[in-house]
Amino acid sequence: MHSALVETHSRALRRYFMKRVPIGEVDDLVQEVLLNLQGRQKDAPIANIQGYMFTVAANVLARRFRRNNATILSGDEAPEPVDPISPERILLGQRDLASALDVIRNLPDRTRQIFILHRFEEMTYARIASRLGISVSAVEKHIMLALRALNARAGDEE
């Protein structure tokens, strides 16, 4: 895999895992996903590499969870196996993503720009304010507007 691609994916995977596991386990999990990705790319090109990568990451987390929470249970006590990535869950996730993207697309231009810089480009409020020539307070207000719009949409769908 190209080094720039690995670096980009490594950062995204680190962020993903840092929200879900202790910091000491992040590097091992990232490496496991990248190794899987590298091995898979030799067979055939992956059409949606980012989607595949995060599916693999979710499966790595599920295996880790099962390993860490494994207990010896008798046959009657054993829980039913749960597929953490069921077709229904994928469909619901795709619907939620499409809904969120629709909300983001319909935000006022400045609010959308600020939200994207903060959430997707991971820029700080201060850096966004400096880049756009506005106050940090204005950045905070735009982020709050975007979050309210997203939360309102999520509330409408429940």
Protein backbone atom coordinates (compact mmCIF):
# COMPACT_ATOMS: atom_id res chain seq x y z
CA MET A 1 0.00 0.00 0.00
CA HIS A 2 1.30 3.50 -0.81
CA SER A 3 2.85 5.25 2.24
CA ALA A 4 0.61 8.35 1.98
CA LEU A 5 -2.43 6.09 1.87
CA VAL A 6 -1.17 4.17 4.93
CA GLU A 7 -0.56 7.42 6.79
CA THR A 8 -4.03 8.73 6.00
CA HIS A 9 -5.70 5.48 7.00
CA SER A 10 -3.55 5.16 10.12
CA ARG A 11 -4.69 8.57 11.37
CA ALA A 12 -8.35 7.80 10.70
CA LEU A 13 -8.08 4.39 12.35
CA ARG A 14 -6.25 5.83 15.38
CA ARG A 15 -9.08 8.35 15.88
CA TYR A 16 -11.65 5.58 15.52
CA PHE A 17 -9.94 3.28 18.03
CA MET A 18 -9.00 6.04 20.49
CA LYS A 19 -12.70 6.66 21.06
CA ARG A 20 -13.30 2.99 21.82
CA VAL A 21 -10.30 1.36 23.56
CA PRO A 22 -7.54 2.25 26.01
CA ILE A 23 -4.73 4.21 24.36
CA GLY A 24 -2.23 1.38 24.89
CA GLU A 25 -4.16 -0.91 22.55
CA VAL A 26 -4.67 1.52 19.67
CA ASP A 27 -1.45 0.89 17.73
CA ASP A 28 -1.92 -2.90 17.76
CA LEU A 29 -5.47 -2.59 16.48
CA VAL A 30 -4.46 -0.13 13.74
CA GLN A 31 -1.69 -2.47 12.64
CA GLU A 32 -4.08 -5.42 12.54
CA VAL A 33 -6.50 -3.53 10.28
CA LEU A 34 -3.75 -2.26 7.97
CA LEU A 35 -2.28 -5.76 7.64
CA ASN A 36 -5.71 -7.10 6.73
CA LEU A 37 -6.15 -4.28 4.23
CA GLN A 38 -2.74 -4.88 2.67
CA GLY A 39 -3.37 -8.61 2.33
CA ARG A 40 -6.82 -8.02 0.86
CA GLN A 41 -5.59 -5.54 -1.75
CA LYS A 42 -3.26 -8.15 -3.23
CA ASP A 43 -6.24 -10.32 -4.18
CA ALA A 44 -8.37 -7.70 -5.90
CA PRO A 45 -8.75 -3.93 -5.68
CA ILE A 46 -11.17 -2.67 -3.06
CA ALA A 47 -13.82 -0.38 -4.50
CA ASN A 48 -14.64 1.47 -1.26
CA ILE A 49 -11.41 1.25 0.71
CA GLN A 50 -12.57 3.48 3.56
CA GLY A 51 -15.84 1.59 4.04
CA TYR A 52 -13.97 -1.72 3.93
CA MET A 53 -11.35 -0.41 6.36
CA PHE A 54 -13.93 0.62 8.97
CA THR A 55 -15.83 -2.64 8.56
CA VAL A 56 -12.57 -4.49 9.28
CA ALA A 57 -11.93 -2.14 12.24
CA ALA A 58 -15.39 -2.90 13.67
CA ASN A 59 -14.74 -6.63 13.29
CA VAL A 60 -11.34 -6.29 14.99
CA LEU A 61 -13.06 -4.50 17.90
CA ALA A 62 -15.75 -7.18 18.07
CA ARG A 63 -13.11 -9.94 18.23
CA ARG A 64 -11.21 -8.00 20.90
CA PHE A 65 -14.39 -7.57 22.91
CA ARG A 66 -15.23 -11.27 22.66
CA ARG A 67 -11.69 -12.24 23.67
CA ASN A 68 -11.66 -9.87 26.65
CA ASN A 69 -15.12 -10.86 27.82
CA ALA A 70 -14.90 -14.59 27.21
CA THR A 71 -16.17 -16.65 30.10
CA ILE A 72 -16.70 -20.34 30.46
CA LEU A 73 -20.41 -20.94 30.44
CA SER A 74 -22.37 -24.13 30.41
CA GLY A 75 -24.40 -24.87 27.28
CA ASP A 76 -27.64 -23.59 28.87
CA GLU A 77 -26.06 -20.32 29.99
CA ALA A 78 -24.29 -19.47 26.75
CA PRO A 79 -25.75 -16.37 25.12
CA GLU A 80 -26.90 -16.39 21.54
CA PRO A 81 -24.15 -15.24 19.18
CA VAL A 82 -24.61 -11.66 18.06
CA ASP A 83 -23.46 -10.39 14.69
CA PRO A 84 -22.14 -6.89 15.44
CA ILE A 85 -22.32 -5.99 11.74
CA SER A 86 -25.68 -7.33 10.65
CA PRO A 87 -27.23 -6.34 7.31
CA GLU A 88 -29.93 -4.45 9.22
CA ARG A 89 -27.33 -2.51 11.19
CA ILE A 90 -25.44 -1.66 7.99
CA LEU A 91 -28.63 -0.44 6.35
CA LEU A 92 -29.54 1.68 9.39
CA GLY A 93 -26.02 3.10 9.47
CA GLN A 94 -26.19 3.99 5.78
CA ARG A 95 -29.56 5.66 6.30
CA ASP A 96 -28.26 7.63 9.29
CA LEU A 97 -25.17 8.69 7.35
CA ALA A 98 -27.24 9.81 4.36
CA SER A 99 -29.51 11.77 6.69
CA ALA A 100 -26.57 13.46 8.44
CA LEU A 101 -24.95 14.34 5.11
CA ASP A 102 -28.25 15.80 3.93
CA VAL A 103 -28.41 18.01 7.03
CA ILE A 104 -24.79 19.11 6.54
CA ARG A 105 -25.40 19.91 2.85
CA ASN A 106 -28.37 22.10 3.80
CA LEU A 107 -26.58 24.13 6.47
CA PRO A 108 -25.86 27.78 5.68
CA ASP A 109 -22.57 28.03 3.74
CA ARG A 110 -20.46 29.50 6.56
CA THR A 111 -21.86 27.09 9.16
CA ARG A 112 -21.24 24.12 6.87
CA GLN A 113 -17.69 25.28 6.15
CA ILE A 114 -16.88 25.70 9.85
CA PHE A 115 -18.48 22.40 10.82
CA ILE A 116 -16.53 20.51 8.14
CA LEU A 117 -13.26 22.17 9.14
CA HIS A 118 -13.80 21.20 12.76
CA ARG A 119 -15.33 17.73 12.50
CA PHE A 120 -13.70 16.37 9.36
CA GLU A 121 -10.46 18.34 9.09
CA GLU A 122 -10.06 18.29 12.90
CA MET A 123 -9.15 21.96 13.12
CA THR A 124 -9.42 23.71 16.47
CA TYR A 125 -11.88 26.54 16.99
CA ALA A 126 -8.96 28.98 17.32
CA ARG A 127 -7.38 27.83 14.06
CA ILE A 128 -10.71 28.05 12.21
CA ALA A 129 -11.29 31.53 13.62
CA SER A 130 -7.84 32.64 12.50
CA ARG A 131 -8.23 31.11 9.05
CA LEU A 132 -11.65 32.68 8.44
CA GLY A 133 -10.95 35.99 10.20
CA ILE A 134 -13.74 35.59 12.77
CA SER A 135 -13.85 35.22 16.54
CA VAL A 136 -13.67 31.92 18.38
CA SER A 137 -17.09 32.76 19.78
CA ALA A 138 -18.49 32.96 16.23
CA VAL A 139 -16.97 29.56 15.45
CA GLU A 140 -18.62 28.13 18.58
CA LYS A 141 -22.00 29.56 17.53
CA HIS A 142 -21.73 28.02 14.05
CA ILE A 143 -20.76 24.63 15.50
CA MET A 144 -23.76 24.80 17.86
CA LEU A 145 -26.08 25.63 14.95
CA ALA A 146 -24.79 22.62 13.02
CA LEU A 147 -25.11 20.30 16.02
CA ARG A 148 -28.64 21.53 16.73
CA ALA A 149 -29.61 20.83 13.12
CA LEU A 150 -28.12 17.34 13.30
CA ASN A 151 -29.76 16.62 16.66
CA ALA A 152 -33.11 17.91 15.42
CA ARG A 153 -32.91 15.61 12.41
CA ALA A 154 -31.97 12.66 14.62
CA GLY A 155 -34.92 13.44 16.90
CA ASP A 156 -37.28 13.54 13.90
CA GLU A 157 -36.25 10.04 12.83
CA GLU A 158 -36.79 8.30 16.15
